[in-house]
């Protein structure tokens, strides 16, 4: 079964940067759409950005456009989230998740997190505070 493990969370001051990593134990990312999601207590998990392992297409949430960048390293079966100009409202538990390309699209996956059909990591805490 596919497994995805996040790392790289931590605490940073407003305006700072963090880079999250998601390593996948799959043969190839080509067959998956991989996304970063975040959740804060009392709110639903929301999509931050999703990327197609097949063609590299992406979908970003409006709140992070211009500040966050997703990338992938096929040789390492890894996906990264570079977060710049961080704001206190970016504080959340960030999750890496993947779903097979046959069942979703980058836009659909980020719009509706695949809580039941996706493969989810354990989450990593990001705290932005002065």
Foldseek 3Di string as FASTA:
>chain_A
DKAKAKDWADEEAAQAKTKMKIFIPDPWQQFKKKFKWWDDPPDDIATAKIAHSNPGDMDGDPVQPPFWDWDDDGVRNMIMIIGGRDDQVVWGWMKMKMATPVPDDRVGCRHPPPPPHIHIYPTDTHGYHD
